[in-house]
All heavy atoms as atom14 arrays in JSON, in Angstrom:
{
  "sequence": "NLSLPRDRLIVITGLSGSGKSTLAFDTIYAEGQRRYVESLSAYA",
  "atom14_mask": [
    [1, 1, 1, 1, 1, 1, 1, 1, 0, 0, 0, 0, 0, 0],
    [1, 1, 1, 1, 1, 1, 1, 1, 0, 0, 0, 0, 0, 0],
    [1, 1, 1, 1, 1, 1, 0, 0, 0, 0, 0, 0, 0, 0],
    [1, 1, 1, 1, 1, 1, 1, 1, 0, 0, 0, 0, 0, 0],
    [1, 1, 1, 1, 1, 1, 1, 0, 0, 0, 0, 0, 0, 0],
    [1, 1, 1, 1, 1, 1, 1, 1, 1, 1, 1, 0, 0, 0],
    [1, 1, 1, 1, 1, 1, 1, 1, 0, 0, 0, 0, 0, 0],
    [1, 1, 1, 1, 1, 1, 1, 1, 1, 1, 1, 0, 0, 0],
    [1, 1, 1, 1, 1, 1, 1, 1, 0, 0, 0, 0, 0, 0],
    [1, 1, 1, 1, 1, 1, 1, 1, 0, 0, 0, 0, 0, 0],
    [1, 1, 1, 1, 1, 1, 1, 0, 0, 0, 0, 0, 0, 0],
    [1, 1, 1, 1, 1, 1, 1, 1, 0, 0, 0, 0, 0, 0],
    [1, 1, 1, 1, 1, 1, 1, 0, 0, 0, 0, 0, 0, 0],
    [1, 1, 1, 1, 0, 0, 0, 0, 0, 0, 0, 0, 0, 0],
    [1, 1, 1, 1, 1, 1, 1, 1, 0, 0, 0, 0, 0, 0],
    [1, 1, 1, 1, 1, 1, 0, 0, 0, 0, 0, 0, 0, 0],
    [1, 1, 1, 1, 0, 0, 0, 0, 0, 0, 0, 0, 0, 0],
    [1, 1, 1, 1, 1, 1, 0, 0, 0, 0, 0, 0, 0, 0],
    [1, 1, 1, 1, 0, 0, 0, 0, 0, 0, 0, 0, 0, 0],
    [1, 1, 1, 1, 1, 1, 1, 1, 1, 0, 0, 0, 0, 0],
    [1, 1, 1, 1, 1, 1, 0, 0, 0, 0, 0, 0, 0, 0],
    [1, 1, 1, 1, 1, 1, 1, 0, 0, 0, 0, 0, 0, 0],
    [1, 1, 1, 1, 1, 1, 1, 1, 0, 0, 0, 0, 0, 0],
    [1, 1, 1, 1, 1, 0, 0, 0, 0, 0, 0, 0, 0, 0],
    [1, 1, 1, 1, 1, 1, 1, 1, 1, 1, 1, 0, 0, 0],
    [1, 1, 1, 1, 1, 1, 1, 1, 0, 0, 0, 0, 0, 0],
    [1, 1, 1, 1, 1, 1, 1, 0, 0, 0, 0, 0, 0, 0],
    [1, 1, 1, 1, 1, 1, 1, 1, 0, 0, 0, 0, 0, 0],
    [1, 1, 1, 1, 1, 1, 1, 1, 1, 1, 1, 1, 0, 0],
    [1, 1, 1, 1, 1, 0, 0, 0, 0, 0, 0, 0, 0, 0],
    [1, 1, 1, 1, 1, 1, 1, 1, 1, 0, 0, 0, 0, 0],
    [1, 1, 1, 1, 0, 0, 0, 0, 0, 0, 0, 0, 0, 0],
    [1, 1, 1, 1, 1, 1, 1, 1, 1, 0, 0, 0, 0, 0],
    [1, 1, 1, 1, 1, 1, 1, 1, 1, 1, 1, 0, 0, 0],
    [1, 1, 1, 1, 1, 1, 1, 1, 1, 1, 1, 0, 0, 0],
    [1, 1, 1, 1, 1, 1, 1, 1, 1, 1, 1, 1, 0, 0],
    [1, 1, 1, 1, 1, 1, 1, 0, 0, 0, 0, 0, 0, 0],
    [1, 1, 1, 1, 1, 1, 1, 1, 1, 0, 0, 0, 0, 0],
    [1, 1, 1, 1, 1, 1, 0, 0, 0, 0, 0, 0, 0, 0],
    [1, 1, 1, 1, 1, 1, 1, 1, 0, 0, 0, 0, 0, 0],
    [1, 1, 1, 1, 1, 1, 0, 0, 0, 0, 0, 0, 0, 0],
    [1, 1, 1, 1, 1, 0, 0, 0, 0, 0, 0, 0, 0, 0],
    [1, 1, 1, 1, 1, 1, 1, 1, 1, 1, 1, 1, 0, 0],
    [1, 1, 1, 1, 1, 0, 0, 0, 0, 0, 0, 0, 0, 0]
  ],
  "atom14_positions": [
    [[45.61, 84.7, 118.58], [45.33, 85.4, 119.92], [44.2, 86.39, 119.78], [44.22, 87.18, 118.81], [46.62, 86.16, 120.35], [47.8, 85.24, 120.53], [47.66, 84.2, 121.02], [48.95, 85.71, 120.17], [0.0, 0.0, 0.0], [0.0, 0.0, 0.0], [0.0, 0.0, 0.0], [0.0, 0.0, 0.0], [0.0, 0.0, 0.0], [0.0, 0.0, 0.0]],
    [[43.12, 86.29, 120.55], [42.06, 87.3, 120.53], [41.29, 87.31, 121.78], [41.39, 86.37, 122.61], [41.06, 86.9, 119.31], [40.12, 85.79, 119.47], [38.96, 85.96, 118.48], [40.75, 84.45, 119.12], [0.0, 0.0, 0.0], [0.0, 0.0, 0.0], [0.0, 0.0, 0.0], [0.0, 0.0, 0.0], [0.0, 0.0, 0.0], [0.0, 0.0, 0.0]],
    [[40.57, 88.42, 122.01], [39.74, 88.61, 123.21], [38.34, 88.85, 122.73], [38.11, 89.71, 121.85], [40.25, 89.78, 124.01], [41.58, 89.52, 124.47], [0.0, 0.0, 0.0], [0.0, 0.0, 0.0], [0.0, 0.0, 0.0], [0.0, 0.0, 0.0], [0.0, 0.0, 0.0], [0.0, 0.0, 0.0], [0.0, 0.0, 0.0], [0.0, 0.0, 0.0]],
    [[37.36, 88.16, 123.32], [35.96, 88.26, 122.93], [35.13, 88.79, 124.15], [35.26, 88.34, 125.18], [35.38, 86.87, 122.61], [36.08, 86.13, 121.43], [35.48, 84.73, 121.21], [35.97, 86.95, 120.05], [0.0, 0.0, 0.0], [0.0, 0.0, 0.0], [0.0, 0.0, 0.0], [0.0, 0.0, 0.0], [0.0, 0.0, 0.0], [0.0, 0.0, 0.0]],
    [[34.34, 89.91, 123.84], [33.56, 90.4, 124.96], [32.53, 89.4, 125.45], [31.84, 88.72, 124.57], [32.93, 91.67, 124.33], [32.96, 91.41, 122.91], [34.16, 90.59, 122.56], [0.0, 0.0, 0.0], [0.0, 0.0, 0.0], [0.0, 0.0, 0.0], [0.0, 0.0, 0.0], [0.0, 0.0, 0.0], [0.0, 0.0, 0.0], [0.0, 0.0, 0.0]],
    [[32.27, 89.25, 126.67], [31.27, 88.43, 127.28], [29.92, 89.14, 127.16], [29.76, 90.34, 127.14], [31.59, 88.06, 128.69], [32.89, 87.12, 128.75], [33.18, 86.73, 130.1], [32.11, 86.05, 130.67], [32.24, 85.45, 131.99], [33.31, 85.4, 132.61], [31.13, 84.79, 132.51], [0.0, 0.0, 0.0], [0.0, 0.0, 0.0], [0.0, 0.0, 0.0]],
    [[28.83, 88.32, 127.24], [27.54, 88.81, 127.28], [27.19, 89.65, 125.97], [26.39, 90.6, 126.02], [27.16, 89.65, 128.54], [27.49, 88.91, 129.83], [27.14, 87.69, 129.83], [27.96, 89.4, 130.84], [0.0, 0.0, 0.0], [0.0, 0.0, 0.0], [0.0, 0.0, 0.0], [0.0, 0.0, 0.0], [0.0, 0.0, 0.0], [0.0, 0.0, 0.0]],
    [[27.77, 89.23, 124.89], [27.44, 89.93, 123.66], [27.18, 88.82, 122.55], [27.63, 87.68, 122.69], [28.67, 90.71, 123.14], [28.99, 91.89, 124.08], [27.92, 93.04, 124.02], [28.33, 94.21, 124.75], [28.04, 94.39, 126.06], [27.35, 93.41, 126.72], [28.37, 95.41, 126.67], [0.0, 0.0, 0.0], [0.0, 0.0, 0.0], [0.0, 0.0, 0.0]],
    [[26.34, 89.16, 121.53], [26.23, 88.37, 120.44], [27.34, 88.52, 119.44], [27.59, 89.66, 118.95], [24.94, 88.66, 119.69], [24.54, 87.82, 118.43], [24.46, 86.3, 118.71], [23.33, 88.32, 117.82], [0.0, 0.0, 0.0], [0.0, 0.0, 0.0], [0.0, 0.0, 0.0], [0.0, 0.0, 0.0], [0.0, 0.0, 0.0], [0.0, 0.0, 0.0]],
    [[28.13, 87.5, 119.21], [29.34, 87.55, 118.34], [29.13, 86.79, 117.13], [28.76, 85.57, 117.12], [30.58, 87.08, 119.02], [30.86, 87.98, 120.39], [31.8, 87.15, 118.21], [31.86, 87.48, 121.19], [0.0, 0.0, 0.0], [0.0, 0.0, 0.0], [0.0, 0.0, 0.0], [0.0, 0.0, 0.0], [0.0, 0.0, 0.0], [0.0, 0.0, 0.0]],
    [[29.26, 87.32, 115.93], [29.3, 86.61, 114.67], [30.62, 86.51, 114.11], [31.35, 87.53, 113.93], [28.37, 87.49, 113.66], [28.32, 86.69, 112.37], [26.94, 87.67, 114.25], [0.0, 0.0, 0.0], [0.0, 0.0, 0.0], [0.0, 0.0, 0.0], [0.0, 0.0, 0.0], [0.0, 0.0, 0.0], [0.0, 0.0, 0.0], [0.0, 0.0, 0.0]],
    [[30.99, 85.2, 113.78], [32.29, 85.01, 113.17], [32.06, 84.71, 111.67], [31.41, 83.85, 111.25], [32.92, 83.67, 113.87], [32.98, 83.84, 115.36], [34.29, 83.43, 113.23], [33.47, 82.67, 116.09], [0.0, 0.0, 0.0], [0.0, 0.0, 0.0], [0.0, 0.0, 0.0], [0.0, 0.0, 0.0], [0.0, 0.0, 0.0], [0.0, 0.0, 0.0]],
    [[32.79, 85.6, 110.89], [32.57, 85.49, 109.41], [33.95, 85.3, 108.81], [35.02, 85.37, 109.45], [32.04, 86.7, 108.87], [32.85, 87.82, 109.15], [30.67, 87.08, 109.54], [0.0, 0.0, 0.0], [0.0, 0.0, 0.0], [0.0, 0.0, 0.0], [0.0, 0.0, 0.0], [0.0, 0.0, 0.0], [0.0, 0.0, 0.0], [0.0, 0.0, 0.0]],
    [[34.04, 84.89, 107.55], [35.24, 84.68, 106.81], [35.09, 83.72, 105.74], [34.01, 83.15, 105.53], [0.0, 0.0, 0.0], [0.0, 0.0, 0.0], [0.0, 0.0, 0.0], [0.0, 0.0, 0.0], [0.0, 0.0, 0.0], [0.0, 0.0, 0.0], [0.0, 0.0, 0.0], [0.0, 0.0, 0.0], [0.0, 0.0, 0.0], [0.0, 0.0, 0.0]],
    [[36.13, 83.59, 104.89], [36.11, 82.72, 103.69], [35.91, 81.24, 104.14], [36.31, 80.9, 105.36], [37.41, 82.81, 102.86], [37.59, 84.22, 102.34], [38.97, 84.28, 101.6], [36.51, 84.63, 101.31], [0.0, 0.0, 0.0], [0.0, 0.0, 0.0], [0.0, 0.0, 0.0], [0.0, 0.0, 0.0], [0.0, 0.0, 0.0], [0.0, 0.0, 0.0]],
    [[35.49, 80.44, 103.2], [35.38, 79.05, 103.47], [36.73, 78.44, 103.77], [37.7, 78.67, 103.03], [34.71, 78.21, 102.3], [34.67, 76.86, 102.55], [0.0, 0.0, 0.0], [0.0, 0.0, 0.0], [0.0, 0.0, 0.0], [0.0, 0.0, 0.0], [0.0, 0.0, 0.0], [0.0, 0.0, 0.0], [0.0, 0.0, 0.0], [0.0, 0.0, 0.0]],
    [[36.88, 77.71, 104.91], [38.26, 77.04, 105.17], [39.05, 78.02, 105.99], [40.28, 77.64, 106.26], [0.0, 0.0, 0.0], [0.0, 0.0, 0.0], [0.0, 0.0, 0.0], [0.0, 0.0, 0.0], [0.0, 0.0, 0.0], [0.0, 0.0, 0.0], [0.0, 0.0, 0.0], [0.0, 0.0, 0.0], [0.0, 0.0, 0.0], [0.0, 0.0, 0.0]],
    [[38.59, 79.1, 106.38], [39.41, 80.15, 107.17], [39.56, 79.77, 108.7], [40.28, 80.33, 109.37], [38.95, 81.54, 107.01], [37.63, 81.61, 107.49], [0.0, 0.0, 0.0], [0.0, 0.0, 0.0], [0.0, 0.0, 0.0], [0.0, 0.0, 0.0], [0.0, 0.0, 0.0], [0.0, 0.0, 0.0], [0.0, 0.0, 0.0], [0.0, 0.0, 0.0]],
    [[38.67, 78.82, 109.16], [38.8, 78.32, 110.51], [37.67, 78.81, 111.4], [37.8, 78.87, 112.58], [0.0, 0.0, 0.0], [0.0, 0.0, 0.0], [0.0, 0.0, 0.0], [0.0, 0.0, 0.0], [0.0, 0.0, 0.0], [0.0, 0.0, 0.0], [0.0, 0.0, 0.0], [0.0, 0.0, 0.0], [0.0, 0.0, 0.0], [0.0, 0.0, 0.0]],
    [[36.58, 79.29, 110.81], [35.46, 79.83, 111.67], [34.91, 78.73, 112.57], [34.76, 78.96, 113.81], [34.31, 80.3, 110.73], [34.67, 81.41, 109.69], [33.56, 81.92, 109.0], [32.89, 80.86, 108.15], [33.77, 80.25, 107.06], [0.0, 0.0, 0.0], [0.0, 0.0, 0.0], [0.0, 0.0, 0.0], [0.0, 0.0, 0.0], [0.0, 0.0, 0.0]],
    [[34.46, 77.64, 112.01], [33.96, 76.51, 112.79], [34.99, 75.96, 113.77], [34.69, 75.58, 114.93], [33.46, 75.41, 111.91], [32.43, 75.82, 111.15], [0.0, 0.0, 0.0], [0.0, 0.0, 0.0], [0.0, 0.0, 0.0], [0.0, 0.0, 0.0], [0.0, 0.0, 0.0], [0.0, 0.0, 0.0], [0.0, 0.0, 0.0], [0.0, 0.0, 0.0]],
    [[36.27, 75.9, 113.4], [37.3, 75.44, 114.23], [37.46, 76.25, 115.49], [37.58, 75.8, 116.68], [38.78, 75.35, 113.57], [38.52, 74.44, 112.49], [39.81, 74.94, 114.42], [0.0, 0.0, 0.0], [0.0, 0.0, 0.0], [0.0, 0.0, 0.0], [0.0, 0.0, 0.0], [0.0, 0.0, 0.0], [0.0, 0.0, 0.0], [0.0, 0.0, 0.0]],
    [[37.35, 77.65, 115.34], [37.45, 78.58, 116.37], [36.23, 78.45, 117.33], [36.34, 78.29, 118.56], [37.65, 80.0, 115.91], [37.63, 81.11, 116.98], [38.79, 80.85, 117.92], [37.71, 82.42, 116.38], [0.0, 0.0, 0.0], [0.0, 0.0, 0.0], [0.0, 0.0, 0.0], [0.0, 0.0, 0.0], [0.0, 0.0, 0.0], [0.0, 0.0, 0.0]],
    [[35.04, 78.4, 116.74], [33.81, 78.44, 117.5], [33.52, 77.12, 118.23], [33.3, 77.06, 119.44], [32.61, 78.79, 116.67], [0.0, 0.0, 0.0], [0.0, 0.0, 0.0], [0.0, 0.0, 0.0], [0.0, 0.0, 0.0], [0.0, 0.0, 0.0], [0.0, 0.0, 0.0], [0.0, 0.0, 0.0], [0.0, 0.0, 0.0], [0.0, 0.0, 0.0]],
    [[33.64, 76.04, 117.47], [33.26, 74.71, 118.02], [34.44, 73.94, 118.54], [34.24, 73.33, 119.61], [32.42, 74.0, 116.9], [31.13, 74.56, 116.61], [31.0, 75.17, 115.38], [30.07, 74.53, 117.41], [29.85, 75.81, 114.99], [28.79, 75.12, 117.09], [28.79, 75.79, 115.84], [0.0, 0.0, 0.0], [0.0, 0.0, 0.0], [0.0, 0.0, 0.0]],
    [[35.47, 73.74, 117.7], [36.53, 72.86, 118.08], [37.48, 73.48, 119.14], [38.32, 72.7, 119.66], [37.28, 72.39, 116.81], [36.47, 71.62, 115.93], [35.43, 71.06, 116.29], [36.72, 71.82, 114.62], [0.0, 0.0, 0.0], [0.0, 0.0, 0.0], [0.0, 0.0, 0.0], [0.0, 0.0, 0.0], [0.0, 0.0, 0.0], [0.0, 0.0, 0.0]],
    [[37.32, 74.79, 119.35], [38.26, 75.38, 120.38], [37.49, 75.91, 121.53], [37.56, 75.44, 122.66], [39.03, 76.5, 119.65], [39.76, 76.01, 118.59], [39.99, 77.07, 120.71], [0.0, 0.0, 0.0], [0.0, 0.0, 0.0], [0.0, 0.0, 0.0], [0.0, 0.0, 0.0], [0.0, 0.0, 0.0], [0.0, 0.0, 0.0], [0.0, 0.0, 0.0]],
    [[36.63, 76.98, 121.29], [35.92, 77.61, 122.46], [34.86, 76.63, 123.05], [34.85, 76.39, 124.32], [35.26, 78.89, 121.94], [36.3, 79.93, 121.45], [34.47, 79.56, 123.18], [35.71, 81.16, 120.73], [0.0, 0.0, 0.0], [0.0, 0.0, 0.0], [0.0, 0.0, 0.0], [0.0, 0.0, 0.0], [0.0, 0.0, 0.0], [0.0, 0.0, 0.0]],
    [[34.03, 76.1, 122.18], [32.89, 75.18, 122.7], [33.59, 73.91, 123.36], [33.1, 73.48, 124.36], [31.94, 74.82, 121.59], [31.07, 73.69, 121.95], [30.12, 73.74, 123.05], [31.15, 72.45, 121.29], [29.29, 72.7, 123.31], [30.38, 71.33, 121.58], [29.44, 71.6, 122.67], [28.68, 70.45, 123.02], [0.0, 0.0, 0.0], [0.0, 0.0, 0.0]],
    [[34.53, 73.4, 122.65], [35.1, 72.1, 123.12], [35.8, 72.29, 124.52], [35.63, 71.44, 125.44], [36.25, 71.57, 122.12], [0.0, 0.0, 0.0], [0.0, 0.0, 0.0], [0.0, 0.0, 0.0], [0.0, 0.0, 0.0], [0.0, 0.0, 0.0], [0.0, 0.0, 0.0], [0.0, 0.0, 0.0], [0.0, 0.0, 0.0], [0.0, 0.0, 0.0]],
    [[36.42, 73.37, 124.64], [37.09, 73.72, 125.99], [36.07, 73.86, 127.07], [36.18, 73.36, 128.25], [38.05, 74.85, 125.91], [38.78, 75.18, 127.2], [39.68, 74.07, 127.69], [39.94, 73.17, 127.0], [40.1, 74.28, 128.84], [0.0, 0.0, 0.0], [0.0, 0.0, 0.0], [0.0, 0.0, 0.0], [0.0, 0.0, 0.0], [0.0, 0.0, 0.0]],
    [[34.95, 74.61, 126.74], [33.91, 74.89, 127.77], [33.25, 73.57, 128.11], [32.99, 73.34, 129.36], [0.0, 0.0, 0.0], [0.0, 0.0, 0.0], [0.0, 0.0, 0.0], [0.0, 0.0, 0.0], [0.0, 0.0, 0.0], [0.0, 0.0, 0.0], [0.0, 0.0, 0.0], [0.0, 0.0, 0.0], [0.0, 0.0, 0.0], [0.0, 0.0, 0.0]],
    [[33.02, 72.7, 127.18], [32.41, 71.42, 127.47], [33.3, 70.58, 128.29], [32.82, 69.89, 129.22], [31.96, 70.72, 126.13], [31.18, 69.39, 126.35], [31.06, 68.69, 125.0], [31.91, 68.47, 124.26], [29.79, 68.34, 124.79], [0.0, 0.0, 0.0], [0.0, 0.0, 0.0], [0.0, 0.0, 0.0], [0.0, 0.0, 0.0], [0.0, 0.0, 0.0]],
    [[34.67, 70.55, 127.91], [35.55, 69.71, 128.69], [35.66, 70.13, 130.17], [35.64, 69.27, 131.08], [36.99, 69.86, 128.05], [38.04, 68.9, 128.61], [39.36, 69.17, 128.07], [39.88, 70.49, 128.45], [40.53, 70.76, 129.71], [40.62, 69.71, 130.52], [40.88, 71.95, 129.98], [0.0, 0.0, 0.0], [0.0, 0.0, 0.0], [0.0, 0.0, 0.0]],
    [[35.65, 71.46, 130.4], [35.69, 71.91, 131.74], [34.43, 71.64, 132.5], [34.46, 71.29, 133.73], [35.9, 73.48, 131.76], [37.27, 73.88, 131.24], [37.42, 75.33, 131.31], [38.64, 75.82, 130.67], [39.2, 77.03, 130.67], [38.4, 78.0, 131.21], [40.25, 77.34, 130.03], [0.0, 0.0, 0.0], [0.0, 0.0, 0.0], [0.0, 0.0, 0.0]],
    [[33.26, 71.67, 131.86], [32.05, 71.27, 132.55], [31.97, 69.8, 132.87], [31.67, 69.47, 134.12], [30.81, 71.57, 131.53], [29.55, 71.06, 132.17], [28.9, 71.64, 133.28], [28.86, 69.99, 131.52], [27.79, 71.15, 133.79], [27.71, 69.51, 132.01], [27.16, 70.04, 133.12], [25.99, 69.59, 133.71], [0.0, 0.0, 0.0], [0.0, 0.0, 0.0]],
    [[32.52, 68.98, 132.05], [32.49, 67.5, 132.33], [33.39, 67.2, 133.46], [33.17, 66.44, 134.34], [32.84, 66.72, 131.03], [33.12, 65.27, 131.48], [31.84, 66.87, 130.06], [0.0, 0.0, 0.0], [0.0, 0.0, 0.0], [0.0, 0.0, 0.0], [0.0, 0.0, 0.0], [0.0, 0.0, 0.0], [0.0, 0.0, 0.0], [0.0, 0.0, 0.0]],
    [[34.64, 67.9, 133.53], [35.59, 67.72, 134.6], [35.04, 68.11, 135.94], [35.5, 67.76, 136.98], [36.9, 68.42, 134.31], [37.71, 67.69, 133.23], [39.09, 68.39, 132.94], [39.25, 69.45, 133.48], [39.85, 67.75, 132.25], [0.0, 0.0, 0.0], [0.0, 0.0, 0.0], [0.0, 0.0, 0.0], [0.0, 0.0, 0.0], [0.0, 0.0, 0.0]],
    [[34.12, 69.13, 135.87], [33.51, 69.6, 137.21], [32.53, 68.55, 137.81], [32.15, 68.73, 138.96], [32.79, 70.88, 136.94], [31.55, 70.69, 136.16], [0.0, 0.0, 0.0], [0.0, 0.0, 0.0], [0.0, 0.0, 0.0], [0.0, 0.0, 0.0], [0.0, 0.0, 0.0], [0.0, 0.0, 0.0], [0.0, 0.0, 0.0], [0.0, 0.0, 0.0]],
    [[32.12, 67.6, 137.03], [31.2, 66.62, 137.63], [31.91, 65.59, 138.39], [33.05, 65.45, 138.43], [30.47, 65.92, 136.46], [29.64, 66.87, 135.48], [29.07, 66.01, 134.36], [28.47, 67.57, 136.15], [0.0, 0.0, 0.0], [0.0, 0.0, 0.0], [0.0, 0.0, 0.0], [0.0, 0.0, 0.0], [0.0, 0.0, 0.0], [0.0, 0.0, 0.0]],
    [[31.08, 64.86, 139.17], [31.55, 63.72, 140.02], [32.18, 62.62, 139.16], [31.85, 62.52, 138.0], [30.65, 63.19, 141.01], [29.52, 62.62, 140.25], [0.0, 0.0, 0.0], [0.0, 0.0, 0.0], [0.0, 0.0, 0.0], [0.0, 0.0, 0.0], [0.0, 0.0, 0.0], [0.0, 0.0, 0.0], [0.0, 0.0, 0.0], [0.0, 0.0, 0.0]],
    [[33.01, 61.83, 139.82], [33.57, 60.68, 139.08], [32.49, 59.76, 138.61], [32.54, 59.16, 137.48], [34.63, 59.94, 139.9], [0.0, 0.0, 0.0], [0.0, 0.0, 0.0], [0.0, 0.0, 0.0], [0.0, 0.0, 0.0], [0.0, 0.0, 0.0], [0.0, 0.0, 0.0], [0.0, 0.0, 0.0], [0.0, 0.0, 0.0], [0.0, 0.0, 0.0]],
    [[31.39, 59.58, 139.39], [30.31, 58.67, 139.02], [29.66, 59.22, 137.8], [29.35, 58.43, 136.86], [29.35, 58.66, 140.16], [28.08, 57.77, 139.92], [28.15, 56.48, 139.97], [26.96, 58.45, 139.49], [27.04, 55.64, 139.7], [25.84, 57.63, 139.29], [25.89, 56.32, 139.36], [24.79, 55.59, 138.96], [0.0, 0.0, 0.0], [0.0, 0.0, 0.0]],
    [[29.37, 60.52, 137.69], [28.64, 61.12, 136.62], [29.55, 60.99, 135.34], [29.13, 60.78, 134.18], [28.23, 62.45, 136.8], [0.0, 0.0, 0.0], [0.0, 0.0, 0.0], [0.0, 0.0, 0.0], [0.0, 0.0, 0.0], [0.0, 0.0, 0.0], [0.0, 0.0, 0.0], [0.0, 0.0, 0.0], [0.0, 0.0, 0.0], [0.0, 0.0, 0.0]]
  ]
}
């Protein structure tokens, strides 16, 4: 559980395997991309 400030440059650091890429790409980015695709028309 965490809250990230918007309109800020955020750096995620930690040990290898701690889940940095999972949080940034597989969770936050993936959900944003999914919502964007769902907003498109059925044809697109």
